Amino acid sequence: MSEEDLQRQIINLARLYNIKVAHFPPSKSVAGKWMTAVAADAKGYPDLTLVGTRVLFRENKTDRGTLSPEQKQWIADLRAAGADVDVWRPRDWHSGRIRAELEAIRVRPGQRTEKASA
């Protein structure tokens, strides 16, 4: 399973569970180079921010994929700040780990009652 396939599966399941998902996909520049537009310290920021009854930060990798130094630093800094951050891989999808973690933060109908104010 590719990283893109894994991410698509995760996002689809999160939507079923009424979990908000933020993802910033790469795009191709005029020069033909793939890049993700980020500012400030965002290089290496986790692939997904999932907001349900709690917030999860998750980096997605293939089963053999490795983290960049910037990804490792974001994970360490988020953990040090008390965030729930981890790496998900296809084996976590197949084992049911991802489903269980999303189920744990699932938002049931009527559970979100506050509306944003301007």
PDB file of N, CA and C in Angstrom:
ATOM      1  N   MET A   1       0.847  -1.180   0.000  1.00  0.00           N
ATOM      2  CA  MET A   1       0.000   0.000   0.000  1.00  0.00           C
ATOM      3  C   MET A   1       0.888   1.237   0.000  1.00  0.00           C
ATOM      4  N   SER A   2       0.616   2.155  -0.895  1.00  0.00           N
ATOM      5  CA  SER A   2       1.405   3.390  -0.954  1.00  0.00           C
ATOM      6  C   SER A   2       0.983   4.335   0.169  1.00  0.00           C
ATOM      7  N   GLU A   3       1.808   5.329   0.398  1.00  0.00           N
ATOM      8  CA  GLU A   3       1.492   6.344   1.407  1.00  0.00           C
ATOM      9  C   GLU A   3       0.201   7.080   1.022  1.00  0.00           C
ATOM     10  N   GLU A   4       0.045   7.350  -0.276  1.00  0.00           N
ATOM     11  CA  GLU A   4      -1.150   8.046  -0.764  1.00  0.00           C
ATOM     12  C   GLU A   4      -2.412   7.195  -0.545  1.00  0.00           C
ATOM     13  N   ASP A   5      -2.311   5.893  -0.825  1.00  0.00           N
ATOM     14  CA  ASP A   5      -3.455   5.004  -0.608  1.00  0.00           C
ATOM     15  C   ASP A   5      -3.820   4.934   0.871  1.00  0.00           C
ATOM     16  N   LEU A   6      -2.805   4.827   1.720  1.00  0.00           N
ATOM     17  CA  LEU A   6      -3.044   4.785   3.154  1.00  0.00           C
ATOM     18  C   LEU A   6      -3.742   6.063   3.608  1.00  0.00           C
ATOM     19  N   GLN A   7      -3.233   7.181   3.166  1.00  0.00           N
ATOM     20  CA  GLN A   7      -3.798   8.463   3.568  1.00  0.00           C
ATOM     21  C   GLN A   7      -5.254   8.605   3.105  1.00  0.00           C
ATOM     22  N   ARG A   8      -5.544   8.184   1.901  1.00  0.00           N
ATOM     23  CA  ARG A   8      -6.908   8.248   1.380  1.00  0.00           C
ATOM     24  C   ARG A   8      -7.852   7.403   2.250  1.00  0.00           C
ATOM     25  N   GLN A   9      -7.407   6.213   2.620  1.00  0.00           N
ATOM     26  CA  GLN A   9      -8.213   5.334   3.481  1.00  0.00           C
ATOM     27  C   GLN A   9      -8.468   5.990   4.842  1.00  0.00           C
ATOM     28  N   ILE A  10      -7.434   6.588   5.402  1.00  0.00           N
ATOM     29  CA  ILE A  10      -7.551   7.238   6.710  1.00  0.00           C
ATOM     30  C   ILE A  10      -8.534   8.405   6.639  1.00  0.00           C
ATOM     31  N   ILE A  11      -8.393   9.241   5.622  1.00  0.00           N
ATOM     32  CA  ILE A  11      -9.271  10.406   5.483  1.00  0.00           C
ATOM     33  C   ILE A  11     -10.719   9.961   5.294  1.00  0.00           C
ATOM     34  N   ASN A  12     -10.943   8.946   4.486  1.00  0.00           N
ATOM     35  CA  ASN A  12     -12.310   8.442   4.289  1.00  0.00           C
ATOM     36  C   ASN A  12     -12.916   7.947   5.593  1.00  0.00           C
ATOM     37  N   LEU A  13     -12.145   7.201   6.379  1.00  0.00           N
ATOM     38  CA  LEU A  13     -12.645   6.696   7.654  1.00  0.00           C
ATOM     39  C   LEU A  13     -12.889   7.842   8.634  1.00  0.00           C
ATOM     40  N   ALA A  14     -11.977   8.809   8.660  1.00  0.00           N
ATOM     41  CA  ALA A  14     -12.149   9.965   9.551  1.00  0.00           C
ATOM     42  C   ALA A  14     -13.446  10.705   9.225  1.00  0.00           C
ATOM     43  N   ARG A  15     -13.743  10.859   7.962  1.00  0.00           N
ATOM     44  CA  ARG A  15     -14.988  11.535   7.570  1.00  0.00           C
ATOM     45  C   ARG A  15     -16.208  10.750   8.042  1.00  0.00           C
ATOM     46  N   LEU A  16     -16.158   9.431   7.955  1.00  0.00           N
ATOM     47  CA  LEU A  16     -17.267   8.607   8.449  1.00  0.00           C
ATOM     48  C   LEU A  16     -17.474   8.802   9.945  1.00  0.00           C
ATOM     49  N   TYR A  17     -16.381   9.060  10.661  1.00  0.00           N
ATOM     50  CA  TYR A  17     -16.424   9.230  12.108  1.00  0.00           C
ATOM     51  C   TYR A  17     -16.607  10.690  12.530  1.00  0.00           C
ATOM     52  N   ASN A  18     -16.880  11.581  11.556  1.00  0.00           N
ATOM     53  CA  ASN A  18     -17.101  13.001  11.836  1.00  0.00           C
ATOM     54  C   ASN A  18     -15.870  13.659  12.475  1.00  0.00           C
ATOM     55  N   ILE A  19     -14.700  13.225  12.050  1.00  0.00           N
ATOM     56  CA  ILE A  19     -13.429  13.767  12.527  1.00  0.00           C
ATOM     57  C   ILE A  19     -12.927  14.753  11.478  1.00  0.00           C
ATOM     58  N   LYS A  20     -12.588  15.949  11.912  1.00  0.00           N
ATOM     59  CA  LYS A  20     -12.032  16.948  10.983  1.00  0.00           C
ATOM     60  C   LYS A  20     -10.590  16.577  10.672  1.00  0.00           C
ATOM     61  N   VAL A  21     -10.208  16.766   9.398  1.00  0.00           N
ATOM     62  CA  VAL A  21      -8.865  16.404   8.953  1.00  0.00           C
ATOM     63  C   VAL A  21      -8.228  17.591   8.236  1.00  0.00           C
ATOM     64  N   ALA A  22      -6.998  17.905   8.608  1.00  0.00           N
ATOM     65  CA  ALA A  22      -6.215  18.895   7.879  1.00  0.00           C
ATOM     66  C   ALA A  22      -5.028  18.183   7.255  1.00  0.00           C
ATOM     67  N   HIS A  23      -4.870  18.409   5.956  1.00  0.00           N
ATOM     68  CA  HIS A  23      -3.744  17.845   5.210  1.00  0.00           C
ATOM     69  C   HIS A  23      -3.323  18.880   4.180  1.00  0.00           C
ATOM     70  N   PHE A  24      -2.032  19.048   3.993  1.00  0.00           N
ATOM     71  CA  PHE A  24      -1.512  20.032   3.058  1.00  0.00           C
ATOM     72  C   PHE A  24      -0.722  19.303   1.983  1.00  0.00           C
ATOM     73  N   PRO A  25      -1.387  18.982   0.854  1.00  0.00           N
ATOM     74  CA  PRO A  25      -0.751  18.157  -0.169  1.00  0.00           C
ATOM     75  C   PRO A  25       0.294  18.922  -0.971  1.00  0.00           C
ATOM     76  N   PRO A  26       1.270  18.205  -1.498  1.00  0.00           N
ATOM     77  CA  PRO A  26       2.254  18.842  -2.373  1.00  0.00           C
ATOM     78  C   PRO A  26       1.609  19.171  -3.722  1.00  0.00           C
ATOM     79  N   SER A  27       2.214  20.104  -4.414  1.00  0.00           N
ATOM     80  CA  SER A  27       1.772  20.436  -5.762  1.00  0.00           C
ATOM     81  C   SER A  27       3.013  20.632  -6.626  1.00  0.00           C
ATOM     82  N   LYS A  28       2.804  20.578  -7.925  1.00  0.00           N
ATOM     83  CA  LYS A  28       3.921  20.697  -8.858  1.00  0.00           C
ATOM     84  C   LYS A  28       4.159  22.174  -9.173  1.00  0.00           C
ATOM     85  N   SER A  29       5.411  22.601  -9.031  1.00  0.00           N
ATOM     86  CA  SER A  29       5.763  23.988  -9.326  1.00  0.00           C
ATOM     87  C   SER A  29       5.846  24.194 -10.839  1.00  0.00           C
ATOM     88  N   VAL A  30       5.971  25.422 -11.249  1.00  0.00           N
ATOM     89  CA  VAL A  30       6.110  25.748 -12.664  1.00  0.00           C
ATOM     90  C   VAL A  30       7.323  25.033 -13.256  1.00  0.00           C
ATOM     91  N   ALA A  31       8.344  24.846 -12.446  1.00  0.00           N
ATOM     92  CA  ALA A  31       9.570  24.174 -12.891  1.00  0.00           C
ATOM     93  C   ALA A  31       9.412  22.650 -12.924  1.00  0.00           C
ATOM     94  N   GLY A  32       8.244  22.150 -12.505  1.00  0.00           N
ATOM     95  CA  GLY A  32       8.004  20.711 -12.525  1.00  0.00           C
ATOM     96  C   GLY A  32       8.446  19.974 -11.279  1.00  0.00           C
ATOM     97  N   LYS A  33       8.828  20.703 -10.251  1.00  0.00           N
ATOM     98  CA  LYS A  33       9.271  20.090  -8.998  1.00  0.00           C
ATOM     99  C   LYS A  33       8.089  19.985  -8.035  1.00  0.00           C
ATOM    100  N   TRP A  34       7.932  18.807  -7.381  1.00  0.00           N
ATOM    101  CA  TRP A  34       6.883  18.627  -6.389  1.00  0.00           C
ATOM    102  C   TRP A  34       7.319  19.242  -5.074  1.00  0.00           C
ATOM    103  N   MET A  35       6.437  20.058  -4.482  1.00  0.00           N
ATOM    104  CA  MET A  35       6.749  20.684  -3.205  1.00  0.00           C
ATOM    105  C   MET A  35       5.466  21.042  -2.462  1.00  0.00           C
ATOM    106  N   THR A  36       5.585  21.136  -1.148  1.00  0.00           N
ATOM    107  CA  THR A  36       4.466  21.540  -0.312  1.00  0.00           C
ATOM    108  C   THR A  36       4.729  22.967   0.145  1.00  0.00           C
ATOM    109  N   ALA A  37       3.787  23.837  -0.131  1.00  0.00           N
ATOM    110  CA  ALA A  37       3.943  25.235   0.272  1.00  0.00           C
ATOM    111  C   ALA A  37       3.777  25.328   1.787  1.00  0.00           C
ATOM    112  N   VAL A  38       4.849  25.678   2.462  1.00  0.00           N
ATOM    113  CA  VAL A  38       4.817  25.848   3.912  1.00  0.00           C
ATOM    114  C   VAL A  38       5.534  27.134   4.272  1.00  0.00           C
ATOM    115  N   ALA A  39       5.241  27.644   5.448  1.00  0.00           N
ATOM    116  CA  ALA A  39       5.884  28.863   5.916  1.00  0.00           C
ATOM    117  C   ALA A  39       6.407  28.638   7.323  1.00  0.00           C
ATOM    118  N   ALA A  40       7.257  29.543   7.737  1.00  0.00           N
ATOM    119  CA  ALA A  40       7.834  29.523   9.077  1.00  0.00           C
ATOM    120  C   ALA A  40       8.551  28.199   9.335  1.00  0.00           C
ATOM    121  N   ASP A  41       8.171  27.472  10.377  1.00  0.00           N
ATOM    122  CA  ASP A  41       8.862  26.240  10.771  1.00  0.00           C
ATOM    123  C   ASP A  41       8.138  24.978  10.314  1.00  0.00           C
ATOM    124  N   ALA A  42       7.254  25.074   9.349  1.00  0.00           N
ATOM    125  CA  ALA A  42       6.356  23.961   9.008  1.00  0.00           C
ATOM    126  C   ALA A  42       7.009  22.799   8.261  1.00  0.00           C
ATOM    127  N   LYS A  43       8.219  22.933   7.777  1.00  0.00           N
ATOM    128  CA  LYS A  43       8.846  21.816   7.065  1.00  0.00           C
ATOM    129  C   LYS A  43       8.921  20.602   7.993  1.00  0.00           C
ATOM    130  N   GLY A  44       8.368  19.472   7.538  1.00  0.00           N
ATOM    131  CA  GLY A  44       8.368  18.257   8.330  1.00  0.00           C
ATOM    132  C   GLY A  44       7.134  18.076   9.194  1.00  0.00           C
ATOM    133  N   TYR A  45       6.192  19.031   9.152  1.00  0.00           N
ATOM    134  CA  TYR A  45       4.962  18.940   9.948  1.00  0.00           C
ATOM    135  C   TYR A  45       4.227  17.655   9.582  1.00  0.00           C
ATOM    136  N   PRO A  46       3.594  16.986  10.545  1.00  0.00           N
ATOM    137  CA  PRO A  46       2.909  15.717  10.263  1.00  0.00           C
ATOM    138  C   PRO A  46       1.884  15.831   9.126  1.00  0.00           C
ATOM    139  N   ASP A  47       1.703  14.725   8.415  1.00  0.00           N
ATOM    140  CA  ASP A  47       0.791  14.675   7.269  1.00  0.00           C
ATOM    141  C   ASP A  47      -0.642  15.028   7.628  1.00  0.00           C
ATOM    142  N   LEU A  48      -1.103  14.565   8.774  1.00  0.00           N
ATOM    143  CA  LEU A  48      -2.501  14.742   9.144  1.00  0.00           C
ATOM    144  C   LEU A  48      -2.648  15.325  10.543  1.00  0.00           C
ATOM    145  N   THR A  49      -3.553  16.280  10.656  1.00  0.00           N
ATOM    146  CA  THR A  49      -4.023  16.750  11.949  1.00  0.00           C
ATOM    147  C   THR A  49      -5.487  16.346  11.984  1.00  0.00           C
ATOM    148  N   LEU A  50      -5.847  15.524  12.951  1.00  0.00           N
ATOM    149  CA  LEU A  50      -7.201  14.973  13.050  1.00  0.00           C
ATOM    150  C   LEU A  50      -7.842  15.491  14.326  1.00  0.00           C
ATOM    151  N   VAL A  51      -9.006  16.131  14.193  1.00  0.00           N
ATOM    152  CA  VAL A  51      -9.679  16.722  15.341  1.00  0.00           C
ATOM    153  C   VAL A  51     -11.031  16.057  15.528  1.00  0.00           C
ATOM    154  N   GLY A  52     -11.121  15.294  16.589  1.00  0.00           N
ATOM    155  CA  GLY A  52     -12.369  14.663  16.995  1.00  0.00           C
ATOM    156  C   GLY A  52     -12.638  15.080  18.422  1.00  0.00           C
ATOM    157  N   THR A  53     -12.809  14.118  19.306  1.00  0.00           N
ATOM    158  CA  THR A  53     -12.961  14.442  20.724  1.00  0.00           C
ATOM    159  C   THR A  53     -11.613  14.792  21.345  1.00  0.00           C
ATOM    160  N   ARG A  54     -10.550  14.484  20.633  1.00  0.00           N
ATOM    161  CA  ARG A  54      -9.176  14.878  20.960  1.00  0.00           C
ATOM    162  C   ARG A  54      -8.469  15.183  19.641  1.00  0.00           C
ATOM    163  N   VAL A  55      -7.258  15.645  19.722  1.00  0.00           N
ATOM    164  CA  VAL A  55      -6.468  15.950  18.527  1.00  0.00           C
ATOM    165  C   VAL A  55      -5.350  14.931  18.375  1.00  0.00           C
ATOM    166  N   LEU A  56      -5.222  14.406  17.167  1.00  0.00           N
ATOM    167  CA  LEU A  56      -4.114  13.508  16.831  1.00  0.00           C
ATOM    168  C   LEU A  56      -3.278  14.145  15.728  1.00  0.00           C
ATOM    169  N   PHE A  57      -1.978  14.002  15.831  1.00  0.00           N
ATOM    170  CA  PHE A  57      -1.060  14.385  14.764  1.00  0.00           C
ATOM    171  C   PHE A  57      -0.440  13.091  14.258  1.00  0.00           C
ATOM    172  N   ARG A  58      -0.549  12.823  12.959  1.00  0.00           N
ATOM    173  CA  ARG A  58      -0.027  11.568  12.421  1.00  0.00           C
ATOM    174  C   ARG A  58       0.762  11.796  11.149  1.00  0.00           C
ATOM    175  N   GLU A  59       1.940  11.210  11.132  1.00  0.00           N
ATOM    176  CA  GLU A  59       2.768  11.133   9.923  1.00  0.00           C
ATOM    177  C   GLU A  59       2.474   9.784   9.287  1.00  0.00           C
ATOM    178  N   ASN A  60       2.294   9.751   7.977  1.00  0.00           N
ATOM    179  CA  ASN A  60       2.039   8.504   7.263  1.00  0.00           C
ATOM    180  C   ASN A  60       3.279   8.095   6.491  1.00  0.00           C
ATOM    181  N   LYS A  61       3.622   6.838   6.592  1.00  0.00           N
ATOM    182  CA  LYS A  61       4.779   6.288   5.875  1.00  0.00           C
ATOM    183  C   LYS A  61       4.435   4.909   5.356  1.00  0.00           C
ATOM    184  N   THR A  62       5.135   4.483   4.331  1.00  0.00           N
ATOM    185  CA  THR A  62       5.017   3.092   3.900  1.00  0.00           C
ATOM    186  C   THR A  62       5.652   2.231   4.988  1.00  0.00           C
ATOM    187  N   ASP A  63       5.498   0.923   4.880  1.00  0.00           N
ATOM    188  CA  ASP A  63       6.082   0.047   5.899  1.00  0.00           C
ATOM    189  C   ASP A  63       7.596   0.178   5.988  1.00  0.00           C
ATOM    190  N   ARG A  64       8.226   0.586   4.904  1.00  0.00           N
ATOM    191  CA  ARG A  64       9.692   0.749   4.906  1.00  0.00           C
ATOM    192  C   ARG A  64      10.149   2.204   4.883  1.00  0.00           C
ATOM    193  N   GLY A  65       9.187   3.135   4.853  1.00  0.00           N
ATOM    194  CA  GLY A  65       9.523   4.554   4.766  1.00  0.00           C
ATOM    195  C   GLY A  65      10.231   5.061   6.010  1.00  0.00           C
ATOM    196  N   THR A  66      11.092   6.029   5.826  1.00  0.00           N
ATOM    197  CA  THR A  66      11.841   6.609   6.941  1.00  0.00           C
ATOM    198  C   THR A  66      11.463   8.075   7.137  1.00  0.00           C
ATOM    199  N   LEU A  67      11.617   8.536   8.347  1.00  0.00           N
ATOM    200  CA  LEU A  67      11.317   9.926   8.681  1.00  0.00           C
ATOM    201  C   LEU A  67      12.496  10.826   8.354  1.00  0.00           C
ATOM    202  N   SER A  68      12.208  12.026   7.863  1.00  0.00           N
ATOM    203  CA  SER A  68      13.258  13.019   7.638  1.00  0.00           C
ATOM    204  C   SER A  68      13.658  13.605   8.993  1.00  0.00           C
ATOM    205  N   PRO A  69      14.820  14.262   9.068  1.00  0.00           N
ATOM    206  CA  PRO A  69      15.203  14.908  10.328  1.00  0.00           C
ATOM    207  C   PRO A  69      14.149  15.914  10.804  1.00  0.00           C
ATOM    208  N   GLU A  70      13.549  16.650   9.874  1.00  0.00           N
ATOM    209  CA  GLU A  70      12.531  17.633  10.248  1.00  0.00           C
ATOM    210  C   GLU A  70      11.273  16.956  10.790  1.00  0.00           C
ATOM    211  N   GLN A  71      10.898  15.824  10.211  1.00  0.00           N
ATOM    212  CA  GLN A  71       9.742  15.073  10.719  1.00  0.00           C
ATOM    213  C   GLN A  71      10.025  14.540  12.117  1.00  0.00           C
ATOM    214  N   LYS A  72      11.212  14.010  12.321  1.00  0.00           N
ATOM    215  CA  LYS A  72      11.587  13.512  13.652  1.00  0.00           C
ATOM    216  C   LYS A  72      11.529  14.634  14.686  1.00  0.00           C
ATOM    217  N   GLN A  73      11.986  15.825  14.299  1.00  0.00           N
ATOM    218  CA  GLN A  73      11.985  16.950  15.242  1.00  0.00           C
ATOM    219  C   GLN A  73      10.567  17.394  15.576  1.00  0.00           C
ATOM    220  N   TRP A  74       9.691  17.478  14.563  1.00  0.00           N
ATOM    221  CA  TRP A  74       8.292  17.828  14.830  1.00  0.00           C
ATOM    222  C   TRP A  74       7.656  16.815  15.791  1.00  0.00           C
ATOM    223  N   ILE A  75       7.881  15.548  15.540  1.00  0.00           N
ATOM    224  CA  ILE A  75       7.307  14.502  16.398  1.00  0.00           C
ATOM    225  C   ILE A  75       7.823  14.655  17.829  1.00  0.00           C
ATOM    226  N   ALA A  76       9.120  14.869  17.977  1.00  0.00           N
ATOM    227  CA  ALA A  76       9.704  15.043  19.314  1.00  0.00           C
ATOM    228  C   ALA A  76       9.144  16.290  20.007  1.00  0.00           C
ATOM    229  N   ASP A  77       9.044  17.389  19.276  1.00  0.00           N
ATOM    230  CA  ASP A  77       8.548  18.637  19.874  1.00  0.00           C
ATOM    231  C   ASP A  77       7.072  18.528  20.257  1.00  0.00           C
ATOM    232  N   LEU A  78       6.273  17.916  19.398  1.00  0.00           N
ATOM    233  CA  LEU A  78       4.854  17.737  19.719  1.00  0.00           C
ATOM    234  C   LEU A  78       4.683  16.830  20.935  1.00  0.00           C
ATOM    235  N   ARG A  79       5.454  15.753  20.987  1.00  0.00           N
ATOM    236  CA  ARG A  79       5.388  14.857  22.159  1.00  0.00           C
ATOM    237  C   ARG A  79       5.776  15.596  23.429  1.00  0.00           C
ATOM    238  N   ALA A  80       6.846  16.386  23.348  1.00  0.00           N
ATOM    239  CA  ALA A  80       7.309  17.138  24.522  1.00  0.00           C
ATOM    240  C   ALA A  80       6.244  18.116  25.001  1.00  0.00           C
ATOM    241  N   ALA A  81       5.401  18.592  24.083  1.00  0.00           N
ATOM    242  CA  ALA A  81       4.323  19.524  24.427  1.00  0.00           C
ATOM    243  C   ALA A  81       3.059  18.790  24.887  1.00  0.00           C
ATOM    244  N   GLY A  82       3.117  17.450  24.933  1.00  0.00           N
ATOM    245  CA  GLY A  82       1.986  16.673  25.413  1.00  0.00           C
ATOM    246  C   GLY A  82       0.999  16.233  24.335  1.00  0.00           C
ATOM    247  N   ALA A  83       1.356  16.426  23.079  1.00  0.00           N
ATOM    248  CA  ALA A  83       0.452  16.059  21.982  1.00  0.00           C
ATOM    249  C   ALA A  83       0.469  14.555  21.723  1.00  0.00           C
ATOM    250  N   ASP A  84      -0.619  14.070  21.159  1.00  0.00           N
ATOM    251  CA  ASP A  84      -0.738  12.673  20.732  1.00  0.00           C
ATOM    252  C   ASP A  84      -0.234  12.635  19.289  1.00  0.00           C
ATOM    253  N   VAL A  85       0.995  12.237  19.114  1.00  0.00           N
ATOM    254  CA  VAL A  85       1.634  12.230  17.793  1.00  0.00           C
ATOM    255  C   VAL A  85       2.291  10.883  17.570  1.00  0.00           C
ATOM    256  N   ASP A  86       2.196  10.379  16.332  1.00  0.00           N
ATOM    257  CA  ASP A  86       2.790   9.084  16.025  1.00  0.00           C
ATOM    258  C   ASP A  86       2.891   8.926  14.516  1.00  0.00           C
ATOM    259  N   VAL A  87       3.399   7.779  14.102  1.00  0.00           N
ATOM    260  CA  VAL A  87       3.533   7.433  12.689  1.00  0.00           C
ATOM    261  C   VAL A  87       2.594   6.264  12.412  1.00  0.00           C
ATOM    262  N   TRP A  88       1.826   6.369  11.330  1.00  0.00           N
ATOM    263  CA  TRP A  88       0.970   5.278  10.880  1.00  0.00           C
ATOM    264  C   TRP A  88       1.522   4.701   9.596  1.00  0.00           C
ATOM    265  N   ARG A  89       1.473   3.384   9.498  1.00  0.00           N
ATOM    266  CA  ARG A  89       1.963   2.659   8.330  1.00  0.00           C
ATOM    267  C   ARG A  89       0.884   1.692   7.852  1.00  0.00           C
ATOM    268  N   PRO A  90       0.995   1.172   6.622  1.00  0.00           N
ATOM    269  CA  PRO A  90      -0.006   0.219   6.132  1.00  0.00           C
ATOM    270  C   PRO A  90      -0.248  -0.946   7.100  1.00  0.00           C
ATOM    271  N   ARG A  91       0.778  -1.426   7.756  1.00  0.00           N
ATOM    272  CA  ARG A  91       0.578  -2.538   8.701  1.00  0.00           C
ATOM    273  C   ARG A  91      -0.363  -2.131   9.839  1.00  0.00           C
ATOM    274  N   ASP A  92      -0.394  -0.815  10.178  1.00  0.00           N
ATOM    275  CA  ASP A  92      -1.305  -0.336  11.214  1.00  0.00           C
ATOM    276  C   ASP A  92      -2.741  -0.316  10.713  1.00  0.00           C
ATOM    277  N   TRP A  93      -2.911  -0.107   9.427  1.00  0.00           N
ATOM    278  CA  TRP A  93      -4.249  -0.178   8.828  1.00  0.00           C
ATOM    279  C   TRP A  93      -4.744  -1.624   8.864  1.00  0.00           C
ATOM    280  N   HIS A  94      -3.881  -2.530   8.422  1.00  0.00           N
ATOM    281  CA  HIS A  94      -4.265  -3.942   8.349  1.00  0.00           C
ATOM    282  C   HIS A  94      -4.491  -4.566   9.730  1.00  0.00           C
ATOM    283  N   SER A  95      -3.763  -4.099  10.726  1.00  0.00           N
ATOM    284  CA  SER A  95      -3.912  -4.658  12.077  1.00  0.00           C
ATOM    285  C   SER A  95      -5.148  -4.124  12.797  1.00  0.00           C
ATOM    286  N   GLY A  96      -5.728  -3.034  12.301  1.00  0.00           N
ATOM    287  CA  GLY A  96      -6.871  -2.408  12.958  1.00  0.00           C
ATOM    288  C   GLY A  96      -6.489  -1.286  13.908  1.00  0.00           C
ATOM    289  N   ARG A  97      -5.206  -1.021  14.046  1.00  0.00           N
ATOM    290  CA  ARG A  97      -4.754   0.028  14.967  1.00  0.00           C
ATOM    291  C   ARG A  97      -5.318   1.396  14.581  1.00  0.00           C
ATOM    292  N   ILE A  98      -5.266   1.731  13.304  1.00  0.00           N
ATOM    293  CA  ILE A  98      -5.745   3.052  12.867  1.00  0.00           C
ATOM    294  C   ILE A  98      -7.236   3.181  13.136  1.00  0.00           C
ATOM    295  N   ARG A  99      -7.992   2.171  12.772  1.00  0.00           N
ATOM    296  CA  ARG A  99      -9.442   2.195  13.017  1.00  0.00           C
ATOM    297  C   ARG A  99      -9.727   2.392  14.505  1.00  0.00           C
ATOM    298  N   ALA A 100      -9.002   1.689  15.362  1.00  0.00           N
ATOM    299  CA  ALA A 100      -9.217   1.800  16.813  1.00  0.00           C
ATOM    300  C   ALA A 100      -8.893   3.205  17.319  1.00  0.00           C
ATOM    301  N   GLU A 101      -7.815   3.794  16.820  1.00  0.00           N
ATOM    302  CA  GLU A 101      -7.432   5.139  17.265  1.00  0.00           C
ATOM    303  C   GLU A 101      -8.429   6.183  16.782  1.00  0.00           C
ATOM    304  N   LEU A 102      -8.944   6.015  15.567  1.00  0.00           N
ATOM    305  CA  LEU A 102      -9.955   6.951  15.075  1.00  0.00           C
ATOM    306  C   LEU A 102     -11.285   6.742  15.795  1.00  0.00           C
ATOM    307  N   GLU A 103     -11.631   5.499  16.057  1.00  0.00           N
ATOM    308  CA  GLU A 103     -12.858   5.204  16.800  1.00  0.00           C
ATOM    309  C   GLU A 103     -12.814   5.877  18.175  1.00  0.00           C
ATOM    310  N   ALA A 104     -11.638   5.917  18.782  1.00  0.00           N
ATOM    311  CA  ALA A 104     -11.490   6.501  20.127  1.00  0.00           C
ATOM    312  C   ALA A 104     -11.740   8.008  20.145  1.00  0.00           C
ATOM    313  N   ILE A 105     -11.590   8.683  19.010  1.00  0.00           N
ATOM    314  CA  ILE A 105     -11.828  10.135  18.973  1.00  0.00           C
ATOM    315  C   ILE A 105     -13.043  10.488  18.121  1.00  0.00           C
ATOM    316  N   ARG A 106     -13.812   9.479  17.770  1.00  0.00           N
ATOM    317  CA  ARG A 106     -15.008   9.649  16.935  1.00  0.00           C
ATOM    318  C   ARG A 106     -15.960  10.668  17.555  1.00  0.00           C
ATOM    319  N   VAL A 107     -16.550  11.495  16.692  1.00  0.00           N
ATOM    320  CA  VAL A 107     -17.523  12.475  17.143  1.00  0.00           C
ATOM    321  C   VAL A 107     -18.903  11.960  16.753  1.00  0.00           C
ATOM    322  N   ARG A 108     -19.714  11.687  17.742  1.00  0.00           N
ATOM    323  CA  ARG A 108     -21.061  11.172  17.516  1.00  0.00           C
ATOM    324  C   ARG A 108     -22.004  12.329  17.139  1.00  0.00           C
ATOM    325  N   PRO A 109     -23.074  12.027  16.431  1.00  0.00           N
ATOM    326  CA  PRO A 109     -24.028  13.081  16.059  1.00  0.00           C
ATOM    327  C   PRO A 109     -24.473  13.871  17.295  1.00  0.00           C
ATOM    328  N   GLY A 110     -24.465  15.176  17.177  1.00  0.00           N
ATOM    329  CA  GLY A 110     -24.870  16.044  18.280  1.00  0.00           C
ATOM    330  C   GLY A 110     -23.791  16.316  19.304  1.00  0.00           C
ATOM    331  N   GLN A 111     -22.643  15.647  19.176  1.00  0.00           N
ATOM    332  CA  GLN A 111     -21.585  15.797  20.183  1.00  0.00           C
ATOM    333  C   GLN A 111     -20.894  17.160  20.074  1.00  0.00           C
ATOM    334  N   ARG A 112     -20.741  17.662  18.857  1.00  0.00           N
ATOM    335  CA  ARG A 112     -20.167  19.000  18.678  1.00  0.00           C
ATOM    336  C   ARG A 112     -21.312  19.987  18.756  1.00  0.00           C
ATOM    337  N   THR A 113     -21.347  20.763  19.822  1.00  0.00           N
ATOM    338  CA  THR A 113     -22.466  21.672  20.016  1.00  0.00           C
ATOM    339  C   THR A 113     -22.065  23.137  19.888  1.00  0.00           C
ATOM    340  N   GLU A 114     -20.806  23.464  20.124  1.00  0.00           N
ATOM    341  CA  GLU A 114     -20.378  24.846  20.029  1.00  0.00           C
ATOM    342  C   GLU A 114     -20.191  25.231  18.576  1.00  0.00           C
ATOM    343  N   LYS A 115     -20.632  26.405  18.231  1.00  0.00           N
ATOM    344  CA  LYS A 115     -20.437  26.941  16.886  1.00  0.00           C
ATOM    345  C   LYS A 115     -19.380  28.034  16.978  1.00  0.00           C
ATOM    346  N   ALA A 116     -18.576  28.123  15.936  1.00  0.00           N
ATOM    347  CA  ALA A 116     -17.561  29.174  15.890  1.00  0.00           C
ATOM    348  C   ALA A 116     -18.245  30.526  15.779  1.00  0.00           C
ATOM    349  N   SER A 117     -17.698  31.527  16.449  1.00  0.00           N
ATOM    350  CA  SER A 117     -18.244  32.879  16.346  1.00  0.00           C
ATOM    351  C   SER A 117     -17.214  33.762  15.656  1.00  0.00           C
ATOM    352  N   ALA A 118     -17.706  34.751  14.974  1.00  0.00           N
ATOM    353  CA  ALA A 118     -16.829  35.652  14.203  1.00  0.00           C
ATOM    354  C   ALA A 118     -16.213  36.691  15.074  1.00  0.00           C
TER     355      ALA A 118
END
